[in-house]
Amino acid sequence: MSRPIRVLIAKVGLDGHDRGAKVIATALRDAGMEVIYTGLRQTPDMVVNAALQEDVDAIGVSILSGAHNTVFPKIIQLMKDKQMNDVLLTGGGIIPDEDMKTLNEMGVGKLFAPGTPTPAIADYIREWVKTNRDF
């Protein structure tokens, strides 16, 4: 019997709005995933260290503050430094399409805009893990 997919949901920086992150965490849990929610005001270091400690399959970062071009590259670099090459970094929030494309090219997985149906997010994570992890 295989274990459930483990996902860490994080809010990075000073953005204090976490309703969306909580909605996603609940939806992923309802989809059968094990979810670790870090809470507000995390640093990229805190997120990556928690992901490593919790042995997650995916990290989901919610960003509404406009800091996505700083936060995602920092997390990707920390993940590379810690050889977390088989962990998905995904997320969502207020991120312009052009920035999403640039972040994807850097190694960030699919990014989701507000209003994305939660089953689509769960399906994406499930498919990515099935393809990229030894499950």
C-alpha atoms as a PDB file:
ATOM      1  CA  MET A   1       0.000   0.000   0.000  1.00  0.00           C
ATOM      2  CA  SER A   2       1.431   3.366  -0.971  1.00  0.00           C
ATOM      3  CA  ARG A   3       1.377   6.379   1.284  1.00  0.00           C
ATOM      4  CA  PRO A   4      -0.639   9.484   0.457  1.00  0.00           C
ATOM      5  CA  ILE A   5       0.981  12.304  -1.484  1.00  0.00           C
ATOM      6  CA  ARG A   6       2.459  14.803   0.986  1.00  0.00           C
ATOM      7  CA  VAL A   7       2.139  18.506   0.172  1.00  0.00           C
ATOM      8  CA  LEU A   8       3.472  21.481   2.105  1.00  0.00           C
ATOM      9  CA  ILE A   9       1.408  24.667   1.689  1.00  0.00           C
ATOM     10  CA  ALA A  10       3.193  27.900   2.589  1.00  0.00           C
ATOM     11  CA  LYS A  11       2.647  31.648   2.742  1.00  0.00           C
ATOM     12  CA  VAL A  12       5.951  33.460   2.301  1.00  0.00           C
ATOM     13  CA  GLY A  13       6.735  37.010   3.340  1.00  0.00           C
ATOM     14  CA  LEU A  14       4.536  39.644   4.878  1.00  0.00           C
ATOM     15  CA  ASP A  15       1.376  38.796   2.940  1.00  0.00           C
ATOM     16  CA  GLY A  16      -1.222  38.209   5.648  1.00  0.00           C
ATOM     17  CA  HIS A  17      -4.024  36.844   3.469  1.00  0.00           C
ATOM     18  CA  ASP A  18      -4.197  33.078   3.813  1.00  0.00           C
ATOM     19  CA  ARG A  19      -7.805  32.234   2.981  1.00  0.00           C
ATOM     20  CA  GLY A  20      -6.826  30.917  -0.469  1.00  0.00           C
ATOM     21  CA  ALA A  21      -4.001  28.820   0.961  1.00  0.00           C
ATOM     22  CA  LYS A  22      -6.398  27.307   3.495  1.00  0.00           C
ATOM     23  CA  VAL A  23      -8.964  26.566   0.764  1.00  0.00           C
ATOM     24  CA  ILE A  24      -6.271  24.780  -1.281  1.00  0.00           C
ATOM     25  CA  ALA A  25      -5.019  22.883   1.782  1.00  0.00           C
ATOM     26  CA  THR A  26      -8.552  21.662   2.520  1.00  0.00           C
ATOM     27  CA  ALA A  27      -9.201  20.729  -1.127  1.00  0.00           C
ATOM     28  CA  LEU A  28      -5.960  18.737  -1.343  1.00  0.00           C
ATOM     29  CA  ARG A  29      -6.782  16.997   1.931  1.00  0.00           C
ATOM     30  CA  ASP A  30     -10.255  16.179   0.566  1.00  0.00           C
ATOM     31  CA  ALA A  31      -8.503  14.756  -2.536  1.00  0.00           C
ATOM     32  CA  GLY A  32      -6.680  12.269  -0.286  1.00  0.00           C
ATOM     33  CA  MET A  33      -3.388  14.094   0.129  1.00  0.00           C
ATOM     34  CA  GLU A  34      -1.582  14.689   3.386  1.00  0.00           C
ATOM     35  CA  VAL A  35      -1.189  18.454   3.816  1.00  0.00           C
ATOM     36  CA  ILE A  36       1.194  20.373   6.048  1.00  0.00           C
ATOM     37  CA  TYR A  37       0.252  24.052   6.315  1.00  0.00           C
ATOM     38  CA  THR A  38       3.115  26.225   7.580  1.00  0.00           C
ATOM     39  CA  GLY A  39       1.062  29.291   8.398  1.00  0.00           C
ATOM     40  CA  LEU A  40       1.831  32.923   7.652  1.00  0.00           C
ATOM     41  CA  ARG A  41       5.084  34.857   7.307  1.00  0.00           C
ATOM     42  CA  GLN A  42       7.440  32.053   6.339  1.00  0.00           C
ATOM     43  CA  THR A  43      10.846  32.662   4.781  1.00  0.00           C
ATOM     44  CA  PRO A  44      12.057  30.640   1.788  1.00  0.00           C
ATOM     45  CA  ASP A  45      14.547  28.923   4.151  1.00  0.00           C
ATOM     46  CA  MET A  46      11.765  27.966   6.565  1.00  0.00           C
ATOM     47  CA  VAL A  47       9.660  26.554   3.718  1.00  0.00           C
ATOM     48  CA  VAL A  48      12.450  24.435   2.233  1.00  0.00           C
ATOM     49  CA  ASN A  49      13.606  23.192   5.634  1.00  0.00           C
ATOM     50  CA  ALA A  50      10.044  22.219   6.593  1.00  0.00           C
ATOM     51  CA  ALA A  51       9.590  20.460   3.241  1.00  0.00           C
ATOM     52  CA  LEU A  52      12.805  18.515   3.773  1.00  0.00           C
ATOM     53  CA  GLN A  53      11.905  17.623   7.350  1.00  0.00           C
ATOM     54  CA  GLU A  54       8.379  16.530   6.379  1.00  0.00           C
ATOM     55  CA  ASP A  55       9.614  14.552   3.334  1.00  0.00           C
ATOM     56  CA  VAL A  56       7.028  16.129   1.042  1.00  0.00           C
ATOM     57  CA  ASP A  57       6.361  15.367  -2.598  1.00  0.00           C
ATOM     58  CA  ALA A  58       5.300  18.912  -3.418  1.00  0.00           C
ATOM     59  CA  ILE A  59       5.514  22.466  -2.098  1.00  0.00           C
ATOM     60  CA  GLY A  60       2.684  24.869  -2.845  1.00  0.00           C
ATOM     61  CA  VAL A  61       3.354  28.557  -2.269  1.00  0.00           C
ATOM     62  CA  SER A  62       0.566  31.127  -2.179  1.00  0.00           C
ATOM     63  CA  ILE A  63       1.657  34.648  -3.101  1.00  0.00           C
ATOM     64  CA  LEU A  64      -0.562  37.687  -3.315  1.00  0.00           C
ATOM     65  CA  SER A  65       2.043  40.295  -2.408  1.00  0.00           C
ATOM     66  CA  GLY A  66       3.800  40.652  -5.767  1.00  0.00           C
ATOM     67  CA  ALA A  67       7.012  39.087  -4.434  1.00  0.00           C
ATOM     68  CA  HIS A  68       6.786  36.003  -6.684  1.00  0.00           C
ATOM     69  CA  ASN A  69       9.861  36.975  -8.749  1.00  0.00           C
ATOM     70  CA  THR A  70      11.914  37.007  -5.547  1.00  0.00           C
ATOM     71  CA  VAL A  71      10.343  34.171  -3.563  1.00  0.00           C
ATOM     72  CA  PHE A  72      10.137  31.403  -6.180  1.00  0.00           C
ATOM     73  CA  PRO A  73      13.732  31.777  -7.475  1.00  0.00           C
ATOM     74  CA  LYS A  74      15.030  31.754  -3.876  1.00  0.00           C
ATOM     75  CA  ILE A  75      13.056  28.594  -3.035  1.00  0.00           C
ATOM     76  CA  ILE A  76      14.181  26.880  -6.273  1.00  0.00           C
ATOM     77  CA  GLN A  77      17.817  27.688  -5.454  1.00  0.00           C
ATOM     78  CA  LEU A  78      17.489  26.370  -1.894  1.00  0.00           C
ATOM     79  CA  MET A  79      15.839  23.199  -3.213  1.00  0.00           C
ATOM     80  CA  LYS A  80      18.710  22.690  -5.677  1.00  0.00           C
ATOM     81  CA  ASP A  81      21.251  23.286  -2.896  1.00  0.00           C
ATOM     82  CA  LYS A  82      19.582  20.541  -0.842  1.00  0.00           C
ATOM     83  CA  GLN A  83      19.241  18.127  -3.819  1.00  0.00           C
ATOM     84  CA  MET A  84      15.443  18.254  -3.683  1.00  0.00           C
ATOM     85  CA  ASN A  85      15.269  17.609  -7.430  1.00  0.00           C
ATOM     86  CA  ASP A  86      12.262  15.295  -7.169  1.00  0.00           C
ATOM     87  CA  VAL A  87      10.022  17.692  -5.228  1.00  0.00           C
ATOM     88  CA  LEU A  88       7.481  19.787  -7.115  1.00  0.00           C
ATOM     89  CA  LEU A  89       7.422  23.527  -6.469  1.00  0.00           C
ATOM     90  CA  THR A  90       4.051  24.915  -7.500  1.00  0.00           C
ATOM     91  CA  GLY A  91       1.828  27.695  -6.292  1.00  0.00           C
ATOM     92  CA  GLY A  92      -0.514  30.425  -7.152  1.00  0.00           C
ATOM     93  CA  GLY A  93      -1.854  33.857  -6.504  1.00  0.00           C
ATOM     94  CA  ILE A  94      -1.658  37.164  -8.276  1.00  0.00           C
ATOM     95  CA  ILE A  95       1.098  36.407 -10.798  1.00  0.00           C
ATOM     96  CA  PRO A  96       1.082  37.917 -14.312  1.00  0.00           C
ATOM     97  CA  ASP A  97       1.172  35.380 -17.173  1.00  0.00           C
ATOM     98  CA  GLU A  98       4.557  36.672 -18.357  1.00  0.00           C
ATOM     99  CA  ASP A  99       6.052  36.123 -14.893  1.00  0.00           C
ATOM    100  CA  MET A 100       4.483  32.652 -14.697  1.00  0.00           C
ATOM    101  CA  LYS A 101       6.240  31.741 -17.952  1.00  0.00           C
ATOM    102  CA  THR A 102       9.616  33.035 -16.676  1.00  0.00           C
ATOM    103  CA  LEU A 103       9.226  31.154 -13.382  1.00  0.00           C
ATOM    104  CA  ASN A 104       8.263  27.949 -15.231  1.00  0.00           C
ATOM    105  CA  GLU A 105      11.445  28.252 -17.316  1.00  0.00           C
ATOM    106  CA  MET A 106      13.427  28.491 -14.039  1.00  0.00           C
ATOM    107  CA  GLY A 107      12.012  25.181 -12.853  1.00  0.00           C
ATOM    108  CA  VAL A 108       8.861  26.210 -11.009  1.00  0.00           C
ATOM    109  CA  GLY A 109       5.929  23.943 -11.839  1.00  0.00           C
ATOM    110  CA  LYS A 110       2.555  25.098 -13.053  1.00  0.00           C
ATOM    111  CA  LEU A 111       1.268  28.224 -11.299  1.00  0.00           C
ATOM    112  CA  PHE A 112      -2.429  28.787 -10.718  1.00  0.00           C
ATOM    113  CA  ALA A 113      -4.409  32.012 -10.895  1.00  0.00           C
ATOM    114  CA  PRO A 114      -7.229  32.823  -8.484  1.00  0.00           C
ATOM    115  CA  GLY A 115     -10.421  31.019  -9.466  1.00  0.00           C
ATOM    116  CA  THR A 116      -8.703  27.848 -10.691  1.00  0.00           C
ATOM    117  CA  PRO A 117     -10.932  24.883  -9.818  1.00  0.00           C
ATOM    118  CA  THR A 118      -9.312  23.037  -6.913  1.00  0.00           C
ATOM    119  CA  PRO A 119      -9.685  19.587  -8.557  1.00  0.00           C
ATOM    120  CA  ALA A 120      -7.442  20.850 -11.393  1.00  0.00           C
ATOM    121  CA  ILE A 121      -4.720  21.663  -8.845  1.00  0.00           C
ATOM    122  CA  ALA A 122      -5.056  18.267  -7.137  1.00  0.00           C
ATOM    123  CA  ASP A 123      -4.955  16.494 -10.519  1.00  0.00           C
ATOM    124  CA  TYR A 124      -1.819  18.404 -11.553  1.00  0.00           C
ATOM    125  CA  ILE A 125       0.006  17.507  -8.320  1.00  0.00           C
ATOM    126  CA  ARG A 126      -1.120  13.871  -8.545  1.00  0.00           C
ATOM    127  CA  GLU A 127       0.076  13.556 -12.169  1.00  0.00           C
ATOM    128  CA  TRP A 128       3.392  15.305 -11.486  1.00  0.00           C
ATOM    129  CA  VAL A 129       4.116  13.043  -8.517  1.00  0.00           C
ATOM    130  CA  LYS A 130       3.170   9.907 -10.465  1.00  0.00           C
ATOM    131  CA  THR A 131       5.536  10.932 -13.286  1.00  0.00           C
ATOM    132  CA  ASN A 132       8.457  12.309 -11.231  1.00  0.00           C
ATOM    133  CA  ARG A 133       8.575  10.443  -7.919  1.00  0.00           C
ATOM    134  CA  ASP A 134       9.190   6.792  -7.051  1.00  0.00           C
ATOM    135  CA  PHE A 135       5.718   6.024  -5.764  1.00  0.00           C
END
